[in-house]
């Protein structure tokens, strides 16, 4: 069985990465998204084990000590972590996995999986990012200001990614990310692994 590929998607809060990822997964049966564990409270409309695994800090720290996370990070005072067991199981089954994580976690994953592909999603402008956060109506003005300051520092890490997509027009951004995923699947290294049997039959004397 072929092994799946790991895709990392990073973006400042409000850039629209979750909406893009959900649409990508709904259109591609060979693509799945890792559900992170977090200590932050659920926002309106979020569901446990669907959007995140919402857990208390002592449980999170216990899992961290036990080495259960592939990567972990503290963002806005809350902890986030990616299940090592779940990700490895999906990859072994031949599924491609998207990790929707911040730049700190992305750096950890790139060290563990050098062949992973990282995609950075940018907003078309700071004004648009501010407007999106305000329209989300999930944070007060002080929190939005804090997120905007954090967004600027997150964007400074854009050069660490393999690809950059600007989420101005949703459909175009969706097509761009889909094209990146298809390109990665068609790479020689991936194709050699996935089409080993075919290549052997074609090259046999």
Protein backbone atom coordinates (compact mmCIF):
# COMPACT_ATOMS: atom_id res chain seq x y z
CA UNK A 1 0.00 0.00 0.00
CA UNK A 2 1.28 3.49 -0.87
CA UNK A 3 2.06 5.88 1.93
CA UNK A 4 0.20 9.17 2.26
CA UNK A 5 1.76 12.62 2.17
CA UNK A 6 1.71 15.25 4.88
CA UNK A 7 0.56 18.80 4.07
CA UNK A 8 1.03 21.68 6.51
CA UNK A 9 -1.26 24.69 6.21
CA UNK A 10 -0.37 27.79 8.22
CA UNK A 11 -2.00 31.22 8.30
CA UNK A 12 -2.66 34.13 10.64
CA UNK A 13 -5.99 33.98 12.48
CA UNK A 14 -8.79 35.18 10.21
CA UNK A 15 -7.09 34.35 6.89
CA UNK A 16 -9.71 31.70 6.14
CA UNK A 17 -7.59 28.54 6.35
CA UNK A 18 -10.20 26.43 8.17
CA UNK A 19 -12.92 27.15 5.58
CA UNK A 20 -10.48 26.33 2.76
CA UNK A 21 -9.31 23.12 4.42
CA UNK A 22 -12.87 21.92 5.09
CA UNK A 23 -13.80 22.48 1.45
CA UNK A 24 -10.66 20.70 0.21
CA UNK A 25 -11.38 17.65 2.36
CA UNK A 26 -15.03 17.53 1.25
CA UNK A 27 -13.91 17.38 -2.39
CA UNK A 28 -11.12 14.79 -2.03
CA UNK A 29 -11.74 11.38 -0.48
CA UNK A 30 -8.00 10.71 -0.24
CA UNK A 31 -7.45 13.81 1.89
CA UNK A 32 -8.17 14.16 5.60
CA UNK A 33 -7.48 16.81 8.21
CA UNK A 34 -5.98 16.19 11.63
CA UNK A 35 -8.16 17.32 14.53
CA UNK A 36 -5.91 19.02 17.06
CA UNK A 37 -6.19 18.76 20.84
CA UNK A 38 -6.51 22.15 22.52
CA UNK A 39 -6.99 23.66 25.96
CA UNK A 40 -8.89 26.68 24.63
CA UNK A 41 -12.67 26.81 25.13
CA UNK A 42 -14.93 26.04 22.19
CA UNK A 43 -16.21 29.01 20.20
CA UNK A 44 -19.88 29.30 19.27
CA UNK A 45 -20.73 26.66 16.68
CA UNK A 46 -17.65 24.51 17.36
CA UNK A 47 -18.09 20.86 18.32
CA UNK A 48 -15.82 18.55 20.29
CA UNK A 49 -14.03 15.91 18.18
CA UNK A 50 -15.19 17.72 15.02
CA UNK A 51 -13.40 21.07 15.14
CA UNK A 52 -10.98 20.23 17.99
CA UNK A 53 -10.57 17.77 20.80
CA UNK A 54 -11.28 20.17 23.67
CA UNK A 55 -9.46 19.06 26.81
CA UNK A 56 -8.33 20.57 30.13
CA UNK A 57 -4.74 21.71 30.62
CA UNK A 58 -3.74 18.86 33.05
CA UNK A 59 -4.83 16.26 30.48
CA UNK A 60 -2.97 18.09 27.72
CA UNK A 61 0.22 18.33 29.75
CA UNK A 62 -0.05 14.62 30.59
CA UNK A 63 -0.32 13.74 26.90
CA UNK A 64 2.62 16.03 26.16
CA UNK A 65 4.73 14.28 28.82
CA UNK A 66 3.78 10.89 27.37
CA UNK A 67 4.99 11.92 23.91
CA UNK A 68 1.53 11.68 22.34
CA UNK A 69 1.97 14.78 20.17
CA UNK A 70 3.84 15.11 16.90
CA UNK A 71 3.99 18.84 17.53
CA UNK A 72 2.63 21.24 20.10
CA UNK A 73 2.52 24.98 20.58
CA UNK A 74 1.12 27.66 22.84
CA UNK A 75 -0.94 30.27 20.98
CA UNK A 76 -2.82 33.17 22.63
CA UNK A 77 -2.24 31.49 26.01
CA UNK A 78 -3.80 28.17 24.96
CA UNK A 79 -2.08 24.88 24.13
CA UNK A 80 -2.48 22.95 20.86
CA UNK A 81 -1.16 19.53 19.88
CA UNK A 82 -1.34 17.05 16.99
CA UNK A 83 -1.89 13.35 17.74
CA UNK A 84 1.11 11.31 16.64
CA UNK A 85 -0.78 7.99 16.57
CA UNK A 86 -3.69 9.29 14.47
CA UNK A 87 -1.50 10.98 11.84
CA UNK A 88 0.77 7.97 11.41
CA UNK A 89 -2.23 5.64 11.06
CA UNK A 90 -3.74 7.76 8.26
CA UNK A 91 -0.42 7.99 6.40
CA UNK A 92 0.07 4.22 6.61
CA UNK A 93 -3.40 3.75 5.10
CA UNK A 94 -2.30 5.83 2.10
CA UNK A 95 -4.31 8.92 3.00
CA UNK A 96 -2.85 12.39 2.60
CA UNK A 97 -3.11 14.38 5.83
CA UNK A 98 -3.50 18.13 6.30
CA UNK A 99 -2.17 19.64 9.50
CA UNK A 100 -3.77 23.02 10.15
CA UNK A 101 -1.18 24.40 12.56
CA UNK A 102 0.74 27.55 13.47
CA UNK A 103 4.28 28.34 12.35
CA UNK A 104 5.85 26.91 15.52
CA UNK A 105 4.24 23.53 14.94
CA UNK A 106 5.04 23.71 11.23
CA UNK A 107 8.75 24.04 12.02
CA UNK A 108 8.57 20.96 14.28
CA UNK A 109 6.77 18.92 11.61
CA UNK A 110 9.25 19.88 8.87
CA UNK A 111 12.06 18.52 11.05
CA UNK A 112 10.19 15.24 11.62
CA UNK A 113 8.88 14.91 8.04
CA UNK A 114 11.39 16.50 5.62
CA UNK A 115 9.22 15.44 2.66
CA UNK A 116 6.13 17.22 3.97
CA UNK A 117 4.74 20.14 1.98
CA UNK A 118 3.97 23.43 3.72
CA UNK A 119 1.51 26.02 2.42
CA UNK A 120 1.13 29.52 3.88
CA UNK A 121 -2.17 31.33 3.39
CA UNK A 122 -2.10 35.12 3.36
CA UNK A 123 -4.97 37.63 3.50
CA UNK A 124 -5.04 40.16 0.62
CA UNK A 125 -4.46 43.02 3.10
CA UNK A 126 -4.30 43.86 6.80
CA UNK A 127 -7.59 45.74 6.40
CA UNK A 128 -9.30 42.62 5.04
CA UNK A 129 -7.91 40.53 7.89
CA UNK A 130 -9.23 43.00 10.47
CA UNK A 131 -12.64 43.03 8.79
CA UNK A 132 -12.83 39.23 8.74
CA UNK A 133 -12.02 39.02 12.45
CA UNK A 134 -14.66 41.65 13.22
CA UNK A 135 -17.29 39.89 11.09
CA UNK A 136 -16.59 36.61 12.85
CA UNK A 137 -18.05 38.26 15.96
CA UNK A 138 -16.21 35.86 18.25
CA UNK A 139 -13.81 38.28 19.96
CA UNK A 140 -13.98 41.66 21.64
CA UNK A 141 -12.01 44.64 20.31
CA UNK A 142 -9.03 44.07 22.63
CA UNK A 143 -8.75 40.44 21.53
CA UNK A 144 -9.00 41.43 17.87
CA UNK A 145 -6.21 43.98 18.35
CA UNK A 146 -4.08 41.30 20.02
CA UNK A 147 -4.77 38.91 17.13
CA UNK A 148 -3.78 41.58 14.61
CA UNK A 149 -0.46 42.14 16.38
CA UNK A 150 0.09 38.39 16.46
CA UNK A 151 -0.84 38.13 12.78
CA UNK A 152 1.99 40.47 11.80
CA UNK A 153 4.53 38.32 13.67
CA UNK A 154 3.08 35.13 12.13
CA UNK A 155 3.35 36.57 8.61
CA UNK A 156 7.06 37.16 9.19
CA UNK A 157 7.50 33.38 8.88
CA UNK A 158 5.99 33.15 5.40
CA UNK A 159 9.38 32.42 3.77
CA UNK A 160 9.64 29.17 5.73
CA UNK A 161 6.81 27.62 3.67
CA UNK A 162 7.12 25.85 0.32
CA UNK A 163 4.12 27.64 -1.23
CA UNK A 164 2.15 30.82 -0.60
CA UNK A 165 -1.51 31.33 -1.48
CA UNK A 166 -3.35 34.66 -1.12
CA UNK A 167 -6.96 34.13 -0.03
CA UNK A 168 -8.59 37.07 -1.78
CA UNK A 169 -11.05 35.16 -3.98
CA UNK A 170 -12.08 31.95 -2.15
CA UNK A 171 -12.56 29.81 -5.28
CA UNK A 172 -9.21 30.83 -6.75
CA UNK A 173 -7.42 30.15 -3.45
CA UNK A 174 -9.15 26.76 -3.27
CA UNK A 175 -8.00 25.93 -6.81
CA UNK A 176 -4.46 27.06 -6.01
CA UNK A 177 -4.17 24.80 -2.97
CA UNK A 178 -5.73 21.92 -4.89
CA UNK A 179 -3.14 22.43 -7.65
CA UNK A 180 -0.32 22.31 -5.08
CA UNK A 181 -1.65 19.05 -3.65
CA UNK A 182 -1.98 17.49 -7.13
CA UNK A 183 1.53 18.63 -8.05
CA UNK A 184 2.97 17.04 -4.91
CA UNK A 185 1.17 13.77 -5.64
CA UNK A 186 2.65 13.71 -9.15
CA UNK A 187 6.25 14.24 -7.99
CA UNK A 188 8.76 11.60 -9.01
CA UNK A 189 9.51 10.41 -5.47
CA UNK A 190 5.81 10.00 -4.64
CA UNK A 191 5.04 8.35 -7.96
CA UNK A 192 7.93 5.92 -7.59
CA UNK A 193 6.52 4.81 -4.23
CA UNK A 194 2.89 4.66 -5.36
CA UNK A 195 3.46 3.12 -8.81
CA UNK A 196 6.26 0.75 -7.92
CA UNK A 197 4.45 -2.27 -9.39
CA UNK A 198 3.59 -0.48 -12.63
CA UNK A 199 7.12 0.88 -13.06
CA UNK A 200 8.59 -2.59 -12.54
CA UNK A 201 6.31 -4.09 -15.18
CA UNK A 202 7.13 -1.31 -17.66
CA UNK A 203 10.91 -1.58 -17.20
CA UNK A 204 11.22 -5.35 -17.07
CA UNK A 205 13.19 -6.75 -19.98
